[in-house]
Amino acid sequence: MERLIERALFASRWLLAPVYLGLSLTLLLLGIKFFEEVWHLAHVWQVSESDMILGVLALIDLSLVASLVVMVMFSGYENFVSRLDIGEGDDKLGWLGKLDAGTLKLKVAASIVAISSIHLLQKFVNIENTPNDKLMWYVILHLTFVVSALLMGVLDRIAFASHRDDDGTDAKH
């Protein structure tokens, strides 16, 4: 009975596969939104300098979110479902197979801080249209993300320092 339960639990990891496939579909949606923003910027002679800066920041924001989706999709699949079987002739991402769940969590936190920074910068570029109380909450929220990411990094370093080599990668024991 125990063996049957363990096999069922182990096989249930495949329920995550459609979730990761769904994330790949969000890349398509982000790509559509990205090129919609590019189209708005294509009218460069009709766009003010601040609107151009806001548009470029929106493009950077979308690319960071898309990169985050790729990182979560691939490393999550590899960590929790199955190894990716990529042939030798295919392109291989340098970080593929090297991100454990803890490292992924830190990279996600750092990405959230970067995305939050861009949103905050957008508010500062457009500061005349942002009420002071809302700006204060944007700053507080951003600082909350920064402090959370720093604390996660410190806790990870404390908890797993003995398991990593000097270069920061997991030691093979």
C-alpha atoms as a PDB file:
ATOM      1  CA  MET A   1       0.000   0.000   0.000  1.00  0.00           C
ATOM      2  CA  GLU A   2       2.828   2.394   0.924  1.00  0.00           C
ATOM      3  CA  ARG A   3       4.593   1.703  -2.377  1.00  0.00           C
ATOM      4  CA  LEU A   4       1.395   2.438  -4.330  1.00  0.00           C
ATOM      5  CA  ILE A   5       0.892   5.745  -2.521  1.00  0.00           C
ATOM      6  CA  GLU A   6       4.513   6.736  -3.098  1.00  0.00           C
ATOM      7  CA  ARG A   7       4.282   5.934  -6.814  1.00  0.00           C
ATOM      8  CA  ALA A   8       1.028   7.898  -7.121  1.00  0.00           C
ATOM      9  CA  LEU A   9       2.576  10.885  -5.348  1.00  0.00           C
ATOM     10  CA  PHE A  10       5.667  10.732  -7.527  1.00  0.00           C
ATOM     11  CA  ALA A  11       3.569  10.471 -10.706  1.00  0.00           C
ATOM     12  CA  SER A  12       1.423  13.431  -9.632  1.00  0.00           C
ATOM     13  CA  ARG A  13       4.334  15.756 -10.401  1.00  0.00           C
ATOM     14  CA  TRP A  14       3.191  15.518 -14.038  1.00  0.00           C
ATOM     15  CA  LEU A  15       0.141  17.584 -13.080  1.00  0.00           C
ATOM     16  CA  LEU A  16       2.551  20.542 -13.132  1.00  0.00           C
ATOM     17  CA  ALA A  17       3.428  20.012 -16.812  1.00  0.00           C
ATOM     18  CA  PRO A  18       0.264  21.748 -18.129  1.00  0.00           C
ATOM     19  CA  VAL A  19       0.972  24.662 -15.787  1.00  0.00           C
ATOM     20  CA  TYR A  20       4.414  25.142 -17.336  1.00  0.00           C
ATOM     21  CA  LEU A  21       2.923  24.742 -20.811  1.00  0.00           C
ATOM     22  CA  GLY A  22       0.421  27.458 -19.891  1.00  0.00           C
ATOM     23  CA  LEU A  23       3.318  29.713 -18.930  1.00  0.00           C
ATOM     24  CA  SER A  24       4.727  29.243 -22.416  1.00  0.00           C
ATOM     25  CA  LEU A  25       1.446  30.576 -23.801  1.00  0.00           C
ATOM     26  CA  THR A  26       1.825  33.704 -21.679  1.00  0.00           C
ATOM     27  CA  LEU A  27       5.051  34.357 -23.579  1.00  0.00           C
ATOM     28  CA  LEU A  28       2.970  34.688 -26.724  1.00  0.00           C
ATOM     29  CA  LEU A  29       0.696  37.193 -24.984  1.00  0.00           C
ATOM     30  CA  LEU A  30       3.678  39.156 -23.671  1.00  0.00           C
ATOM     31  CA  GLY A  31       5.151  39.181 -27.189  1.00  0.00           C
ATOM     32  CA  ILE A  32       1.927  40.609 -28.605  1.00  0.00           C
ATOM     33  CA  LYS A  33       1.881  43.302 -25.908  1.00  0.00           C
ATOM     34  CA  PHE A  34       5.573  44.050 -26.546  1.00  0.00           C
ATOM     35  CA  PHE A  35       5.031  44.690 -30.246  1.00  0.00           C
ATOM     36  CA  GLU A  36       1.934  46.734 -29.485  1.00  0.00           C
ATOM     37  CA  GLU A  37       4.182  49.006 -27.399  1.00  0.00           C
ATOM     38  CA  VAL A  38       6.775  49.077 -30.198  1.00  0.00           C
ATOM     39  CA  TRP A  39       4.015  50.161 -32.598  1.00  0.00           C
ATOM     40  CA  HIS A  40       3.121  53.055 -30.289  1.00  0.00           C
ATOM     41  CA  LEU A  41       6.780  54.124 -30.227  1.00  0.00           C
ATOM     42  CA  ALA A  42       7.091  53.827 -34.004  1.00  0.00           C
ATOM     43  CA  HIS A  43       5.384  57.197 -34.281  1.00  0.00           C
ATOM     44  CA  VAL A  44       8.517  58.791 -32.846  1.00  0.00           C
ATOM     45  CA  TRP A  45       7.824  62.268 -34.253  1.00  0.00           C
ATOM     46  CA  GLN A  46       4.450  62.423 -32.526  1.00  0.00           C
ATOM     47  CA  VAL A  47       5.643  61.171 -29.124  1.00  0.00           C
ATOM     48  CA  SER A  48       7.048  63.447 -26.418  1.00  0.00           C
ATOM     49  CA  GLU A  49      10.409  62.680 -24.847  1.00  0.00           C
ATOM     50  CA  SER A  50       8.852  61.598 -21.541  1.00  0.00           C
ATOM     51  CA  ASP A  51       6.351  59.357 -23.369  1.00  0.00           C
ATOM     52  CA  MET A  52       9.252  57.843 -25.314  1.00  0.00           C
ATOM     53  CA  ILE A  53      11.093  57.119 -22.066  1.00  0.00           C
ATOM     54  CA  LEU A  54       7.938  55.623 -20.551  1.00  0.00           C
ATOM     55  CA  GLY A  55       7.479  53.475 -23.656  1.00  0.00           C
ATOM     56  CA  VAL A  56      11.046  52.196 -23.547  1.00  0.00           C
ATOM     57  CA  LEU A  57      10.667  51.422 -19.843  1.00  0.00           C
ATOM     58  CA  ALA A  58       7.469  49.514 -20.653  1.00  0.00           C
ATOM     59  CA  LEU A  59       9.413  47.459 -23.239  1.00  0.00           C
ATOM     60  CA  ILE A  60      12.145  46.719 -20.706  1.00  0.00           C
ATOM     61  CA  ASP A  61       9.494  45.760 -18.168  1.00  0.00           C
ATOM     62  CA  LEU A  62       7.812  43.376 -20.605  1.00  0.00           C
ATOM     63  CA  SER A  63      11.133  41.768 -21.542  1.00  0.00           C
ATOM     64  CA  LEU A  64      12.022  41.260 -17.864  1.00  0.00           C
ATOM     65  CA  VAL A  65       8.658  39.657 -17.180  1.00  0.00           C
ATOM     66  CA  ALA A  66       9.041  37.404 -20.237  1.00  0.00           C
ATOM     67  CA  SER A  67      12.546  36.394 -19.124  1.00  0.00           C
ATOM     68  CA  LEU A  68      11.198  35.627 -15.676  1.00  0.00           C
ATOM     69  CA  VAL A  69       8.495  33.415 -17.197  1.00  0.00           C
ATOM     70  CA  VAL A  70      11.132  31.501 -19.201  1.00  0.00           C
ATOM     71  CA  MET A  71      13.305  31.037 -16.128  1.00  0.00           C
ATOM     72  CA  VAL A  72      10.412  29.805 -13.964  1.00  0.00           C
ATOM     73  CA  MET A  73       9.029  27.629 -16.753  1.00  0.00           C
ATOM     74  CA  PHE A  74      12.266  25.785 -17.557  1.00  0.00           C
ATOM     75  CA  SER A  75      13.788  25.507 -14.111  1.00  0.00           C
ATOM     76  CA  GLY A  76      10.454  24.670 -12.497  1.00  0.00           C
ATOM     77  CA  TYR A  77       9.870  21.913 -15.030  1.00  0.00           C
ATOM     78  CA  GLU A  78      13.388  20.558 -14.523  1.00  0.00           C
ATOM     79  CA  ASN A  79      13.236  20.754 -10.728  1.00  0.00           C
ATOM     80  CA  PHE A  80       9.754  19.376 -10.196  1.00  0.00           C
ATOM     81  CA  VAL A  81       8.674  17.359 -13.253  1.00  0.00           C
ATOM     82  CA  SER A  82      11.452  15.950 -15.431  1.00  0.00           C
ATOM     83  CA  ARG A  83      14.828  16.772 -16.939  1.00  0.00           C
ATOM     84  CA  LEU A  84      14.681  18.427 -20.345  1.00  0.00           C
ATOM     85  CA  ASP A  85      16.105  16.136 -23.014  1.00  0.00           C
ATOM     86  CA  ILE A  86      17.914  18.578 -25.279  1.00  0.00           C
ATOM     87  CA  GLY A  87      20.094  17.154 -28.026  1.00  0.00           C
ATOM     88  CA  GLU A  88      23.744  18.095 -28.393  1.00  0.00           C
ATOM     89  CA  GLY A  89      23.170  20.058 -31.602  1.00  0.00           C
ATOM     90  CA  ASP A  90      20.427  22.200 -30.067  1.00  0.00           C
ATOM     91  CA  ASP A  91      20.977  25.495 -28.324  1.00  0.00           C
ATOM     92  CA  LYS A  92      21.308  25.004 -24.593  1.00  0.00           C
ATOM     93  CA  LEU A  93      20.827  27.698 -22.011  1.00  0.00           C
ATOM     94  CA  GLY A  94      23.877  28.021 -19.770  1.00  0.00           C
ATOM     95  CA  TRP A  95      21.853  28.058 -16.559  1.00  0.00           C
ATOM     96  CA  LEU A  96      19.615  25.140 -17.510  1.00  0.00           C
ATOM     97  CA  GLY A  97      19.902  22.370 -14.957  1.00  0.00           C
ATOM     98  CA  LYS A  98      21.798  24.593 -12.511  1.00  0.00           C
ATOM     99  CA  LEU A  99      18.908  26.405 -10.811  1.00  0.00           C
ATOM    100  CA  ASP A 100      17.592  24.624  -7.753  1.00  0.00           C
ATOM    101  CA  ALA A 101      14.348  25.745  -6.132  1.00  0.00           C
ATOM    102  CA  GLY A 102      16.167  28.031  -3.666  1.00  0.00           C
ATOM    103  CA  THR A 103      18.244  29.746  -6.343  1.00  0.00           C
ATOM    104  CA  LEU A 104      15.161  30.122  -8.531  1.00  0.00           C
ATOM    105  CA  LYS A 105      13.335  31.768  -5.633  1.00  0.00           C
ATOM    106  CA  LEU A 106      16.175  34.301  -5.265  1.00  0.00           C
ATOM    107  CA  LYS A 107      16.232  35.021  -8.988  1.00  0.00           C
ATOM    108  CA  VAL A 108      12.469  35.543  -8.997  1.00  0.00           C
ATOM    109  CA  ALA A 109      12.793  37.928  -6.026  1.00  0.00           C
ATOM    110  CA  ALA A 110      15.573  39.866  -7.797  1.00  0.00           C
ATOM    111  CA  SER A 111      13.454  40.037 -10.951  1.00  0.00           C
ATOM    112  CA  ILE A 112      10.494  41.358  -8.976  1.00  0.00           C
ATOM    113  CA  VAL A 113      12.732  44.065  -7.509  1.00  0.00           C
ATOM    114  CA  ALA A 114      13.939  44.976 -11.016  1.00  0.00           C
ATOM    115  CA  ILE A 115      10.377  45.103 -12.361  1.00  0.00           C
ATOM    116  CA  SER A 116       9.269  47.158  -9.368  1.00  0.00           C
ATOM    117  CA  SER A 117      12.204  49.532  -9.970  1.00  0.00           C
ATOM    118  CA  ILE A 118      11.058  50.090 -13.530  1.00  0.00           C
ATOM    119  CA  HIS A 119       7.495  50.766 -12.422  1.00  0.00           C
ATOM    120  CA  LEU A 120       8.744  53.221  -9.810  1.00  0.00           C
ATOM    121  CA  LEU A 121      10.943  54.935 -12.394  1.00  0.00           C
ATOM    122  CA  GLN A 122       7.912  55.228 -14.679  1.00  0.00           C
ATOM    123  CA  LYS A 123       6.039  56.965 -11.869  1.00  0.00           C
ATOM    124  CA  PHE A 124       8.938  59.364 -11.294  1.00  0.00           C
ATOM    125  CA  VAL A 125       9.178  60.195 -15.004  1.00  0.00           C
ATOM    126  CA  ASN A 126       5.463  60.933 -14.949  1.00  0.00           C
ATOM    127  CA  ILE A 127       5.535  62.482 -11.452  1.00  0.00           C
ATOM    128  CA  GLU A 128       3.290  65.450 -12.273  1.00  0.00           C
ATOM    129  CA  ASN A 129       0.422  62.990 -12.900  1.00  0.00           C
ATOM    130  CA  THR A 130       1.023  60.896  -9.767  1.00  0.00           C
ATOM    131  CA  PRO A 131      -0.525  61.972  -6.453  1.00  0.00           C
ATOM    132  CA  ASN A 132       1.931  62.156  -3.541  1.00  0.00           C
ATOM    133  CA  ASP A 133       0.088  59.561  -1.459  1.00  0.00           C
ATOM    134  CA  LYS A 134       0.174  57.045  -4.324  1.00  0.00           C
ATOM    135  CA  LEU A 135       3.848  57.778  -4.951  1.00  0.00           C
ATOM    136  CA  MET A 136       4.552  57.135  -1.267  1.00  0.00           C
ATOM    137  CA  TRP A 137       2.816  53.735  -1.501  1.00  0.00           C
ATOM    138  CA  TYR A 138       4.789  52.852  -4.657  1.00  0.00           C
ATOM    139  CA  VAL A 139       8.027  53.597  -2.797  1.00  0.00           C
ATOM    140  CA  ILE A 140       6.924  51.643   0.292  1.00  0.00           C
ATOM    141  CA  LEU A 141       5.913  48.670  -1.843  1.00  0.00           C
ATOM    142  CA  HIS A 142       9.199  48.779  -3.760  1.00  0.00           C
ATOM    143  CA  LEU A 143      11.212  48.963  -0.534  1.00  0.00           C
ATOM    144  CA  THR A 144       9.215  46.014   0.801  1.00  0.00           C
ATOM    145  CA  PHE A 145      10.258  43.996  -2.269  1.00  0.00           C
ATOM    146  CA  VAL A 146      13.895  45.061  -1.825  1.00  0.00           C
ATOM    147  CA  VAL A 147      13.990  44.163   1.875  1.00  0.00           C
ATOM    148  CA  SER A 148      12.212  40.845   1.223  1.00  0.00           C
ATOM    149  CA  ALA A 149      14.696  39.904  -1.513  1.00  0.00           C
ATOM    150  CA  LEU A 150      17.640  40.844   0.701  1.00  0.00           C
ATOM    151  CA  LEU A 151      16.290  38.834   3.634  1.00  0.00           C
ATOM    152  CA  MET A 152      15.630  35.831   1.377  1.00  0.00           C
ATOM    153  CA  GLY A 153      19.212  36.046   0.134  1.00  0.00           C
ATOM    154  CA  VAL A 154      20.620  36.282   3.645  1.00  0.00           C
ATOM    155  CA  LEU A 155      18.488  33.382   4.870  1.00  0.00           C
ATOM    156  CA  ASP A 156      19.500  31.276   1.870  1.00  0.00           C
ATOM    157  CA  ARG A 157      23.144  32.043   2.483  1.00  0.00           C
ATOM    158  CA  ILE A 158      22.860  31.136   6.173  1.00  0.00           C
ATOM    159  CA  ALA A 159      20.837  27.967   5.593  1.00  0.00           C
ATOM    160  CA  PHE A 160      22.717  26.561   2.609  1.00  0.00           C
ATOM    161  CA  ALA A 161      26.242  28.003   2.865  1.00  0.00           C
ATOM    162  CA  SER A 162      27.702  24.646   3.854  1.00  0.00           C
ATOM    163  CA  HIS A 163      26.116  22.963   0.798  1.00  0.00           C
ATOM    164  CA  ARG A 164      27.665  25.269  -1.804  1.00  0.00           C
ATOM    165  CA  ASP A 165      31.127  25.522  -3.307  1.00  0.00           C
ATOM    166  CA  ASP A 166      33.087  28.781  -3.214  1.00  0.00           C
ATOM    167  CA  ASP A 167      31.683  29.811  -6.612  1.00  0.00           C
ATOM    168  CA  GLY A 168      28.073  29.690  -5.308  1.00  0.00           C
ATOM    169  CA  THR A 169      26.998  26.522  -7.115  1.00  0.00           C
ATOM    170  CA  ASP A 170      25.678  23.482  -5.299  1.00  0.00           C
ATOM    171  CA  ALA A 171      28.433  21.142  -4.202  1.00  0.00           C
ATOM    172  CA  LYS A 172      28.135  17.587  -5.505  1.00  0.00           C
ATOM    173  CA  HIS A 173      28.361  15.232  -2.530  1.00  0.00           C
END
